[in-house]
Amino acid sequence: MDVDRHPAGVVRVRAPNPSPMTLDGTNTYVFGGWVVDPGPDDPAHLQAVLEAAGGAIDGVALTHTHPDHSDGAQPLAELAGGVPVRLPTDGEQLGPLTALATPGHAPDHVCLLADGVCFAGDLVMGQGSVFIMPGEGSLADYLDSLRRVRALDLDVLCPGHGPYVWDVAAKLDEYVAHQMERERLLLEALAVGARSDDELLNRAWSDVGPELRPVAALSLRAHLDKLREENRLPDDLV
């Protein structure tokens, strides 16, 4: 299957903001007169988005307010003549799009659904895994959101970064399994007395290279927060 073939009616414009966290850049989508996640405030990118939409849009929809997805929202809205910018709540309708609350990566995160297409924001990435920032994010909520989307009858995920995901069930199952395997390894490490970040990372994130170890340390904190909420930490870490 050509994973990067475009779903019917979907136009993707990739922002020029590549990084280890954004892959090739933020994916901006045009669908049914609406722009989903306009990306950074980059004039050339926003002009390309408007041109991809045929020069006119009905509004700008956000999956969440992280800057790599939302900084271009107001400038694009003004460029398009003052159209609305919306971060919808659960069940809210924006043109052809219906919002589904999917907190976890961010507390305000939603997916936007239309005819079997899910504009997934940072619920998933086309490649790799999603980062959960401890404090702002919630791993428990994130896992619930993955399962909520998994229960839907979807044809394709349009992620905020990376290629389209056509095998929706397999991707979501993979994401849940990945987090649960990290949790299993972390619990094993705690059970044998590992306590420092280095000890826990060496045991539960042994596959992560040095360049991503600081990010893994933050993921570790998110996992510990989840275990603390569930009263599953050893007594000396509560």
C-alpha atoms as a PDB file:
ATOM      1  CA  MET A   1       0.000   0.000   0.000  1.00  0.00           C
ATOM      2  CA  ASP A   2       1.207   3.515  -0.823  1.00  0.00           C
ATOM      3  CA  VAL A   3       1.062   4.951   2.698  1.00  0.00           C
ATOM      4  CA  ASP A   4       1.532   8.493   1.456  1.00  0.00           C
ATOM      5  CA  ARG A   5      -1.347   8.570  -1.028  1.00  0.00           C
ATOM      6  CA  HIS A   6      -3.724  11.369  -0.122  1.00  0.00           C
ATOM      7  CA  PRO A   7      -7.202  10.631   1.213  1.00  0.00           C
ATOM      8  CA  ALA A   8     -10.017  11.918  -0.985  1.00  0.00           C
ATOM      9  CA  GLY A   9     -10.517  15.651  -0.547  1.00  0.00           C
ATOM     10  CA  VAL A  10      -7.441  16.107   1.662  1.00  0.00           C
ATOM     11  CA  VAL A  11      -4.595  18.422   0.706  1.00  0.00           C
ATOM     12  CA  ARG A  12      -1.439  18.389   2.808  1.00  0.00           C
ATOM     13  CA  VAL A  13       1.093  21.212   2.964  1.00  0.00           C
ATOM     14  CA  ARG A  14       4.163  20.444   5.071  1.00  0.00           C
ATOM     15  CA  ALA A  15       5.675  23.314   7.034  1.00  0.00           C
ATOM     16  CA  PRO A  16       9.434  23.957   6.800  1.00  0.00           C
ATOM     17  CA  ASN A  17      10.116  23.271  10.490  1.00  0.00           C
ATOM     18  CA  PRO A  18      11.877  19.891  10.544  1.00  0.00           C
ATOM     19  CA  SER A  19      13.372  18.669  13.821  1.00  0.00           C
ATOM     20  CA  PRO A  20      13.760  15.438  15.797  1.00  0.00           C
ATOM     21  CA  MET A  21      10.383  16.200  17.423  1.00  0.00           C
ATOM     22  CA  THR A  22       8.514  17.308  14.264  1.00  0.00           C
ATOM     23  CA  LEU A  23      10.090  14.847  11.772  1.00  0.00           C
ATOM     24  CA  ASP A  24       9.941  16.474   8.298  1.00  0.00           C
ATOM     25  CA  GLY A  25       7.825  19.333   9.659  1.00  0.00           C
ATOM     26  CA  THR A  26       4.280  20.030  10.784  1.00  0.00           C
ATOM     27  CA  ASN A  27       1.563  18.731   8.473  1.00  0.00           C
ATOM     28  CA  THR A  28      -1.049  21.351   7.628  1.00  0.00           C
ATOM     29  CA  TYR A  29      -4.219  20.013   6.029  1.00  0.00           C
ATOM     30  CA  VAL A  30      -6.903  21.597   3.889  1.00  0.00           C
ATOM     31  CA  PHE A  31     -10.265  19.836   3.900  1.00  0.00           C
ATOM     32  CA  GLY A  32     -13.790  20.998   3.152  1.00  0.00           C
ATOM     33  CA  GLY A  33     -12.860  24.674   3.199  1.00  0.00           C
ATOM     34  CA  TRP A  34     -11.085  24.438   6.575  1.00  0.00           C
ATOM     35  CA  VAL A  35      -7.390  24.457   7.391  1.00  0.00           C
ATOM     36  CA  VAL A  36      -6.325  22.061  10.147  1.00  0.00           C
ATOM     37  CA  ASP A  37      -3.197  23.008  12.138  1.00  0.00           C
ATOM     38  CA  PRO A  38      -1.638  25.829  10.097  1.00  0.00           C
ATOM     39  CA  GLY A  39       1.731  25.224  11.723  1.00  0.00           C
ATOM     40  CA  PRO A  40       4.348  27.876  12.495  1.00  0.00           C
ATOM     41  CA  ASP A  41       4.056  31.557  11.627  1.00  0.00           C
ATOM     42  CA  ASP A  42       5.991  31.231   8.391  1.00  0.00           C
ATOM     43  CA  PRO A  43       4.678  33.622   5.688  1.00  0.00           C
ATOM     44  CA  ALA A  44       5.745  31.444   2.756  1.00  0.00           C
ATOM     45  CA  HIS A  45       4.129  28.370   4.301  1.00  0.00           C
ATOM     46  CA  LEU A  46       0.885  30.197   5.093  1.00  0.00           C
ATOM     47  CA  GLN A  47       0.731  31.596   1.568  1.00  0.00           C
ATOM     48  CA  ALA A  48       1.230  28.078   0.196  1.00  0.00           C
ATOM     49  CA  VAL A  49      -1.597  26.813   2.409  1.00  0.00           C
ATOM     50  CA  LEU A  50      -3.965  29.501   1.172  1.00  0.00           C
ATOM     51  CA  GLU A  51      -3.032  28.770  -2.429  1.00  0.00           C
ATOM     52  CA  ALA A  52      -3.609  25.040  -1.835  1.00  0.00           C
ATOM     53  CA  ALA A  53      -7.096  25.956  -0.612  1.00  0.00           C
ATOM     54  CA  GLY A  54      -7.832  27.829  -3.835  1.00  0.00           C
ATOM     55  CA  GLY A  55      -7.324  31.272  -2.307  1.00  0.00           C
ATOM     56  CA  ALA A  56     -10.197  31.158   0.186  1.00  0.00           C
ATOM     57  CA  ILE A  57     -11.024  29.246   3.376  1.00  0.00           C
ATOM     58  CA  ASP A  58     -13.955  29.133   5.790  1.00  0.00           C
ATOM     59  CA  GLY A  59     -11.859  28.903   8.934  1.00  0.00           C
ATOM     60  CA  VAL A  60      -8.851  27.538  10.780  1.00  0.00           C
ATOM     61  CA  ALA A  61      -9.214  24.531  13.103  1.00  0.00           C
ATOM     62  CA  LEU A  62      -6.649  23.472  15.685  1.00  0.00           C
ATOM     63  CA  THR A  63      -6.063  20.070  17.231  1.00  0.00           C
ATOM     64  CA  HIS A  64      -4.193  21.733  20.126  1.00  0.00           C
ATOM     65  CA  THR A  65      -2.278  24.898  20.891  1.00  0.00           C
ATOM     66  CA  HIS A  66       1.360  23.784  20.813  1.00  0.00           C
ATOM     67  CA  PRO A  67       3.260  26.425  18.813  1.00  0.00           C
ATOM     68  CA  ASP A  68       4.393  24.136  15.988  1.00  0.00           C
ATOM     69  CA  HIS A  69       0.706  23.568  15.193  1.00  0.00           C
ATOM     70  CA  SER A  70      -0.923  26.875  16.101  1.00  0.00           C
ATOM     71  CA  ASP A  71       1.415  29.875  15.758  1.00  0.00           C
ATOM     72  CA  GLY A  72       0.338  30.417  12.165  1.00  0.00           C
ATOM     73  CA  ALA A  73      -3.382  30.344  12.953  1.00  0.00           C
ATOM     74  CA  GLN A  74      -4.088  34.038  13.464  1.00  0.00           C
ATOM     75  CA  PRO A  75      -1.758  35.226  10.669  1.00  0.00           C
ATOM     76  CA  LEU A  76      -3.427  32.782   8.250  1.00  0.00           C
ATOM     77  CA  ALA A  77      -6.881  33.868   9.370  1.00  0.00           C
ATOM     78  CA  GLU A  78      -5.968  37.492   8.677  1.00  0.00           C
ATOM     79  CA  LEU A  79      -4.373  36.582   5.346  1.00  0.00           C
ATOM     80  CA  ALA A  80      -7.639  34.872   4.396  1.00  0.00           C
ATOM     81  CA  GLY A  81      -9.703  37.987   5.208  1.00  0.00           C
ATOM     82  CA  GLY A  82     -10.533  37.500   8.886  1.00  0.00           C
ATOM     83  CA  VAL A  83     -11.902  33.949   9.050  1.00  0.00           C
ATOM     84  CA  PRO A  84     -12.461  32.343  12.478  1.00  0.00           C
ATOM     85  CA  VAL A  85      -9.832  30.356  14.370  1.00  0.00           C
ATOM     86  CA  ARG A  86     -11.257  27.583  16.532  1.00  0.00           C
ATOM     87  CA  LEU A  87      -9.967  24.992  18.961  1.00  0.00           C
ATOM     88  CA  PRO A  88     -13.197  23.011  19.258  1.00  0.00           C
ATOM     89  CA  THR A  89     -14.436  21.079  22.266  1.00  0.00           C
ATOM     90  CA  ASP A  90     -15.673  17.492  22.290  1.00  0.00           C
ATOM     91  CA  GLY A  91     -18.565  16.998  19.862  1.00  0.00           C
ATOM     92  CA  GLU A  92     -18.327  20.485  18.362  1.00  0.00           C
ATOM     93  CA  GLN A  93     -18.849  20.775  14.605  1.00  0.00           C
ATOM     94  CA  LEU A  94     -16.689  22.974  12.361  1.00  0.00           C
ATOM     95  CA  GLY A  95     -17.959  22.718   8.830  1.00  0.00           C
ATOM     96  CA  PRO A  96     -17.402  19.061   7.844  1.00  0.00           C
ATOM     97  CA  LEU A  97     -15.262  18.353  10.921  1.00  0.00           C
ATOM     98  CA  THR A  98     -16.416  16.934  14.253  1.00  0.00           C
ATOM     99  CA  ALA A  99     -14.153  17.254  17.299  1.00  0.00           C
ATOM    100  CA  LEU A 100     -13.331  14.307  19.530  1.00  0.00           C
ATOM    101  CA  ALA A 101     -11.596  15.109  22.818  1.00  0.00           C
ATOM    102  CA  THR A 102      -8.282  13.237  22.995  1.00  0.00           C
ATOM    103  CA  PRO A 103      -6.283  14.721  25.900  1.00  0.00           C
ATOM    104  CA  GLY A 104      -2.952  13.349  26.992  1.00  0.00           C
ATOM    105  CA  HIS A 105      -0.291  14.881  24.760  1.00  0.00           C
ATOM    106  CA  ALA A 106      -1.892  18.175  25.706  1.00  0.00           C
ATOM    107  CA  PRO A 107      -4.936  18.815  27.903  1.00  0.00           C
ATOM    108  CA  ASP A 108      -6.735  20.683  25.102  1.00  0.00           C
ATOM    109  CA  HIS A 109      -6.010  18.098  22.381  1.00  0.00           C
ATOM    110  CA  VAL A 110      -8.776  17.010  20.017  1.00  0.00           C
ATOM    111  CA  CYS A 111      -8.931  14.895  16.893  1.00  0.00           C
ATOM    112  CA  LEU A 112     -11.046  16.139  14.012  1.00  0.00           C
ATOM    113  CA  LEU A 113     -13.192  13.564  12.223  1.00  0.00           C
ATOM    114  CA  ALA A 114     -14.888  13.517   8.828  1.00  0.00           C
ATOM    115  CA  ASP A 115     -16.106  10.542   6.772  1.00  0.00           C
ATOM    116  CA  GLY A 116     -13.597   7.990   8.044  1.00  0.00           C
ATOM    117  CA  VAL A 117     -10.734  10.492   8.063  1.00  0.00           C
ATOM    118  CA  CYS A 118      -9.152  11.481  11.374  1.00  0.00           C
ATOM    119  CA  PHE A 119      -6.974  14.569  11.584  1.00  0.00           C
ATOM    120  CA  ALA A 120      -5.002  13.265  14.534  1.00  0.00           C
ATOM    121  CA  GLY A 121      -2.734  16.150  15.515  1.00  0.00           C
ATOM    122  CA  ASP A 122      -0.176  14.754  17.945  1.00  0.00           C
ATOM    123  CA  LEU A 123      -2.206  11.755  19.063  1.00  0.00           C
ATOM    124  CA  VAL A 124       0.020   9.753  16.713  1.00  0.00           C
ATOM    125  CA  MET A 125       2.929  10.395  14.390  1.00  0.00           C
ATOM    126  CA  GLY A 126       3.347   8.796  11.012  1.00  0.00           C
ATOM    127  CA  GLN A 127       6.702   7.495  12.266  1.00  0.00           C
ATOM    128  CA  GLY A 128       7.998   7.092  15.796  1.00  0.00           C
ATOM    129  CA  SER A 129       6.229   7.762  19.066  1.00  0.00           C
ATOM    130  CA  VAL A 130       4.519  10.776  20.642  1.00  0.00           C
ATOM    131  CA  PHE A 131       6.142  12.654  23.507  1.00  0.00           C
ATOM    132  CA  ILE A 132       4.156  13.192  26.719  1.00  0.00           C
ATOM    133  CA  MET A 133       5.467  16.124  28.766  1.00  0.00           C
ATOM    134  CA  PRO A 134       5.076  15.432  32.495  1.00  0.00           C
ATOM    135  CA  GLY A 135       2.988  18.073  34.224  1.00  0.00           C
ATOM    136  CA  GLU A 136       1.275  19.384  31.089  1.00  0.00           C
ATOM    137  CA  GLY A 137       0.516  15.998  29.598  1.00  0.00           C
ATOM    138  CA  SER A 138      -0.962  12.857  31.126  1.00  0.00           C
ATOM    139  CA  LEU A 139       0.036   9.366  30.080  1.00  0.00           C
ATOM    140  CA  ALA A 140      -3.131   7.871  31.576  1.00  0.00           C
ATOM    141  CA  ASP A 141      -5.295  10.284  29.581  1.00  0.00           C
ATOM    142  CA  TYR A 142      -3.217   9.647  26.484  1.00  0.00           C
ATOM    143  CA  LEU A 143      -3.755   5.898  26.659  1.00  0.00           C
ATOM    144  CA  ASP A 144      -7.488   6.464  27.147  1.00  0.00           C
ATOM    145  CA  SER A 145      -7.511   8.706  24.068  1.00  0.00           C
ATOM    146  CA  LEU A 146      -5.714   6.106  21.948  1.00  0.00           C
ATOM    147  CA  ARG A 147      -8.313   3.538  22.963  1.00  0.00           C
ATOM    148  CA  ARG A 148     -11.167   5.935  22.292  1.00  0.00           C
ATOM    149  CA  VAL A 149      -9.986   6.499  18.724  1.00  0.00           C
ATOM    150  CA  ARG A 150      -9.259   2.789  18.309  1.00  0.00           C
ATOM    151  CA  ALA A 151     -12.957   2.084  18.903  1.00  0.00           C
ATOM    152  CA  LEU A 152     -13.949   4.161  15.869  1.00  0.00           C
ATOM    153  CA  ASP A 153     -14.401   2.918  12.313  1.00  0.00           C
ATOM    154  CA  LEU A 154     -11.694   4.920  10.560  1.00  0.00           C
ATOM    155  CA  ASP A 155     -10.067   4.643   7.152  1.00  0.00           C
ATOM    156  CA  VAL A 156      -6.980   6.790   7.715  1.00  0.00           C
ATOM    157  CA  LEU A 157      -5.157   8.912  10.276  1.00  0.00           C
ATOM    158  CA  CYS A 158      -3.729  12.225   9.100  1.00  0.00           C
ATOM    159  CA  PRO A 159      -1.049  12.878  11.727  1.00  0.00           C
ATOM    160  CA  GLY A 160       0.517  16.169  12.664  1.00  0.00           C
ATOM    161  CA  HIS A 161       3.934  14.843  11.601  1.00  0.00           C
ATOM    162  CA  GLY A 162       4.998  12.139   9.184  1.00  0.00           C
ATOM    163  CA  PRO A 163       3.115  10.141   6.542  1.00  0.00           C
ATOM    164  CA  TYR A 164      -0.534   9.115   6.506  1.00  0.00           C
ATOM    165  CA  VAL A 165      -1.481   6.054   8.573  1.00  0.00           C
ATOM    166  CA  TRP A 166      -3.741   3.732   6.593  1.00  0.00           C
ATOM    167  CA  ASP A 167      -3.592   0.731   8.925  1.00  0.00           C
ATOM    168  CA  VAL A 168      -5.319   2.584  11.733  1.00  0.00           C
ATOM    169  CA  ALA A 169      -5.989  -0.292  14.121  1.00  0.00           C
ATOM    170  CA  ALA A 170      -2.437  -1.628  13.882  1.00  0.00           C
ATOM    171  CA  LYS A 171      -0.909   1.791  14.554  1.00  0.00           C
ATOM    172  CA  LEU A 172      -3.085   2.484  17.589  1.00  0.00           C
ATOM    173  CA  ASP A 173      -2.536  -1.008  18.968  1.00  0.00           C
ATOM    174  CA  GLU A 174       1.213  -0.520  18.463  1.00  0.00           C
ATOM    175  CA  TYR A 175       1.129   2.758  20.368  1.00  0.00           C
ATOM    176  CA  VAL A 176      -0.718   1.285  23.338  1.00  0.00           C
ATOM    177  CA  ALA A 177       1.552  -1.768  23.372  1.00  0.00           C
ATOM    178  CA  HIS A 178       4.658   0.422  23.244  1.00  0.00           C
ATOM    179  CA  GLN A 179       3.633   2.409  26.305  1.00  0.00           C
ATOM    180  CA  MET A 180       2.573  -0.670  28.225  1.00  0.00           C
ATOM    181  CA  GLU A 181       5.900  -2.381  27.467  1.00  0.00           C
ATOM    182  CA  ARG A 182       7.759   0.671  28.806  1.00  0.00           C
ATOM    183  CA  GLU A 183       5.619   0.454  31.928  1.00  0.00           C
ATOM    184  CA  ARG A 184       6.370  -3.246  32.347  1.00  0.00           C
ATOM    185  CA  LEU A 185      10.112  -2.654  32.058  1.00  0.00           C
ATOM    186  CA  LEU A 186       9.912   0.280  34.457  1.00  0.00           C
ATOM    187  CA  LEU A 187       8.025  -1.758  37.058  1.00  0.00           C
ATOM    188  CA  GLU A 188      10.598  -4.550  36.749  1.00  0.00           C
ATOM    189  CA  ALA A 189      13.400  -2.032  37.286  1.00  0.00           C
ATOM    190  CA  LEU A 190      11.688  -0.579  40.344  1.00  0.00           C
ATOM    191  CA  ALA A 191      11.093  -4.051  41.742  1.00  0.00           C
ATOM    192  CA  VAL A 192      14.821  -4.855  41.742  1.00  0.00           C
ATOM    193  CA  GLY A 193      15.685  -1.578  43.473  1.00  0.00           C
ATOM    194  CA  ALA A 194      16.517   0.815  40.636  1.00  0.00           C
ATOM    195  CA  ARG A 195      15.702   4.355  41.722  1.00  0.00           C
ATOM    196  CA  SER A 196      17.845   6.956  39.969  1.00  0.00           C
ATOM    197  CA  ASP A 197      16.883   8.257  36.544  1.00  0.00           C
ATOM    198  CA  ASP A 198      20.022   6.725  35.038  1.00  0.00           C
ATOM    199  CA  GLU A 199      19.285   3.303  36.518  1.00  0.00           C
ATOM    200  CA  LEU A 200      15.665   3.366  35.369  1.00  0.00           C
ATOM    201  CA  LEU A 201      16.546   4.621  31.896  1.00  0.00           C
ATOM    202  CA  ASN A 202      19.256   1.984  31.504  1.00  0.00           C
ATOM    203  CA  ARG A 203      16.718  -0.740  32.209  1.00  0.00           C
ATOM    204  CA  ALA A 204      13.482   0.549  30.662  1.00  0.00           C
ATOM    205  CA  TRP A 205      14.808   2.786  27.838  1.00  0.00           C
ATOM    206  CA  SER A 206      17.928   0.838  26.931  1.00  0.00           C
ATOM    207  CA  ASP A 207      17.109   1.144  23.218  1.00  0.00           C
ATOM    208  CA  VAL A 208      17.272   4.965  23.270  1.00  0.00           C
ATOM    209  CA  GLY A 209      20.441   6.624  21.989  1.00  0.00           C
ATOM    210  CA  PRO A 210      22.352   9.344  23.869  1.00  0.00           C
ATOM    211  CA  GLU A 211      20.839  12.147  21.785  1.00  0.00           C
ATOM    212  CA  LEU A 212      17.301  11.233  22.892  1.00  0.00           C
ATOM    213  CA  ARG A 213      18.109  10.382  26.500  1.00  0.00           C
ATOM    214  CA  PRO A 214      16.940  13.794  27.833  1.00  0.00           C
ATOM    215  CA  VAL A 215      13.564  13.247  26.137  1.00  0.00           C
ATOM    216  CA  ALA A 216      13.436   9.706  27.517  1.00  0.00           C
ATOM    217  CA  ALA A 217      14.041  11.123  30.993  1.00  0.00           C
ATOM    218  CA  LEU A 218      10.925  13.274  30.616  1.00  0.00           C
ATOM    219  CA  SER A 219       8.964  10.253  29.386  1.00  0.00           C
ATOM    220  CA  LEU A 220      10.172   8.426  32.477  1.00  0.00           C
ATOM    221  CA  ARG A 221       8.670  11.164  34.657  1.00  0.00           C
ATOM    222  CA  ALA A 222       5.346  10.854  32.808  1.00  0.00           C
ATOM    223  CA  HIS A 223       5.308   7.099  33.486  1.00  0.00           C
ATOM    224  CA  LEU A 224       6.155   7.625  37.140  1.00  0.00           C
ATOM    225  CA  ASP A 225       3.347  10.184  37.410  1.00  0.00           C
ATOM    226  CA  LYS A 226       0.893   7.614  36.018  1.00  0.00           C
ATOM    227  CA  LEU A 227       2.056   4.925  38.435  1.00  0.00           C
ATOM    228  CA  ARG A 228       1.822   7.383  41.324  1.00  0.00           C
ATOM    229  CA  GLU A 229      -1.772   8.270  40.388  1.00  0.00           C
ATOM    230  CA  GLU A 230      -2.575   4.548  40.353  1.00  0.00           C
ATOM    231  CA  ASN A 231      -0.824   3.892  43.708  1.00  0.00           C
ATOM    232  CA  ARG A 232       1.568   1.465  42.047  1.00  0.00           C
ATOM    233  CA  LEU A 233       4.902   2.984  43.057  1.00  0.00           C
ATOM    234  CA  PRO A 234       7.128   1.500  45.780  1.00  0.00           C
ATOM    235  CA  ASP A 235       6.504   3.125  49.161  1.00  0.00           C
ATOM    236  CA  ASP A 236       9.796   5.042  49.128  1.00  0.00           C
ATOM    237  CA  LEU A 237       8.793   6.858  45.927  1.00  0.00           C
ATOM    238  CA  VAL A 238       5.255   7.833  46.883  1.00  0.00           C
END
